[in-house]
């Protein structure tokens, strides 16, 4: 497991591809092990990303919303992810998004 040297958090990723850059440096394309999560805010004009400061204030609500559907919010050195089994219908997924916007 790799660790982000800046945040000292684990980078739980899989290597999708190894390649060389145009400068001949060896590079890797990484994907998070779990499902990436982006926290959005609902307004009258649509959905918008929130600032890093706002994310901190809504993390408990996001973790609770995911726990209700048997998932866990994980913050790694790479991004926020949701860990757990996600076996719901399309209607359940839409309801989850709608319910989350009310928190």
Protein backbone atom coordinates (compact mmCIF):
# COMPACT_ATOMS: atom_id res chain seq x y z
CA UNK A 1 0.00 0.00 0.00
CA UNK A 2 1.27 3.47 -0.91
CA UNK A 3 1.02 6.45 1.43
CA UNK A 4 0.52 10.06 0.32
CA UNK A 5 3.64 11.87 1.58
CA UNK A 6 1.71 15.14 2.09
CA UNK A 7 -1.37 13.91 4.00
CA UNK A 8 0.24 10.71 5.33
CA UNK A 9 -2.98 8.89 4.35
CA UNK A 10 -3.02 5.55 2.52
CA UNK A 11 -3.56 5.49 -1.23
CA UNK A 12 -5.78 2.44 -1.64
CA UNK A 13 -5.59 2.14 -5.41
CA UNK A 14 -5.06 -0.46 -8.09
CA UNK A 15 -2.67 0.05 -10.97
CA UNK A 16 -4.72 0.19 -14.16
CA UNK A 17 -1.85 0.85 -16.54
CA UNK A 18 1.91 1.49 -16.54
CA UNK A 19 3.25 3.70 -19.31
CA UNK A 20 6.06 6.10 -20.20
CA UNK A 21 5.50 9.84 -20.44
CA UNK A 22 6.71 11.94 -23.36
CA UNK A 23 9.83 12.62 -21.24
CA UNK A 24 10.32 8.84 -20.90
CA UNK A 25 9.42 8.86 -17.18
CA UNK A 26 7.64 5.76 -15.94
CA UNK A 27 4.05 6.61 -14.93
CA UNK A 28 1.05 4.72 -13.58
CA UNK A 29 -2.67 5.21 -14.02
CA UNK A 30 -4.28 4.51 -10.64
CA UNK A 31 -7.91 3.90 -9.71
CA UNK A 32 -9.27 3.90 -6.15
CA UNK A 33 -10.14 0.47 -4.78
CA UNK A 34 -13.54 1.74 -3.63
CA UNK A 35 -16.17 3.83 -5.43
CA UNK A 36 -15.10 7.51 -5.66
CA UNK A 37 -17.51 9.97 -4.05
CA UNK A 38 -18.02 13.62 -4.87
CA UNK A 39 -20.06 15.66 -2.42
CA UNK A 40 -22.34 18.15 -4.17
CA UNK A 41 -24.69 20.89 -3.00
CA UNK A 42 -28.18 21.33 -4.41
CA UNK A 43 -29.35 24.85 -5.31
CA UNK A 44 -32.22 26.20 -7.35
CA UNK A 45 -29.89 26.26 -10.36
CA UNK A 46 -28.67 22.66 -10.04
CA UNK A 47 -25.87 20.70 -8.35
CA UNK A 48 -22.51 22.27 -7.49
CA UNK A 49 -19.22 21.11 -5.97
CA UNK A 50 -18.55 22.49 -2.53
CA UNK A 51 -15.31 23.96 -1.18
CA UNK A 52 -12.86 21.95 0.90
CA UNK A 53 -13.93 23.92 3.97
CA UNK A 54 -17.59 23.06 3.36
CA UNK A 55 -16.73 19.38 2.84
CA UNK A 56 -15.30 19.19 6.35
CA UNK A 57 -18.57 20.45 7.84
CA UNK A 58 -20.77 17.92 5.98
CA UNK A 59 -18.61 14.80 6.39
CA UNK A 60 -20.59 13.51 9.40
CA UNK A 61 -23.86 13.84 7.44
CA UNK A 62 -22.30 12.18 4.38
CA UNK A 63 -20.97 9.31 6.49
CA UNK A 64 -24.39 8.88 8.12
CA UNK A 65 -26.18 8.87 4.74
CA UNK A 66 -23.82 6.18 3.45
CA UNK A 67 -24.11 4.14 6.67
CA UNK A 68 -27.89 4.01 6.19
CA UNK A 69 -27.26 2.03 2.99
CA UNK A 70 -24.53 -0.14 4.57
CA UNK A 71 -21.58 1.75 3.11
CA UNK A 72 -18.66 3.56 4.74
CA UNK A 73 -17.13 6.91 3.81
CA UNK A 74 -13.37 6.57 3.45
CA UNK A 75 -10.94 9.46 3.11
CA UNK A 76 -7.69 8.34 1.59
CA UNK A 77 -4.78 10.37 0.33
CA UNK A 78 -6.42 10.23 -3.08
CA UNK A 79 -10.11 11.09 -2.66
CA UNK A 80 -13.28 10.34 -0.73
CA UNK A 81 -14.67 6.89 -1.51
CA UNK A 82 -17.60 4.73 -0.45
CA UNK A 83 -16.77 1.20 0.70
CA UNK A 84 -19.32 -1.55 0.90
CA UNK A 85 -21.84 -3.46 -1.12
CA UNK A 86 -24.08 -1.37 -3.30
CA UNK A 87 -26.92 -3.58 -4.51
CA UNK A 88 -29.92 -1.36 -5.04
CA UNK A 89 -32.27 -0.61 -7.92
CA UNK A 90 -32.06 2.54 -10.05
CA UNK A 91 -35.03 3.94 -8.08
CA UNK A 92 -33.16 3.38 -4.79
CA UNK A 93 -30.13 5.20 -6.16
CA UNK A 94 -32.24 8.16 -7.24
CA UNK A 95 -33.93 8.23 -3.82
CA UNK A 96 -30.53 8.14 -2.10
CA UNK A 97 -29.42 11.22 -4.03
CA UNK A 98 -32.69 13.02 -3.27
CA UNK A 99 -32.56 12.12 0.42
CA UNK A 100 -28.94 13.20 0.73
CA UNK A 101 -29.69 16.68 -0.61
CA UNK A 102 -32.03 17.28 2.34
CA UNK A 103 -29.34 16.72 4.96
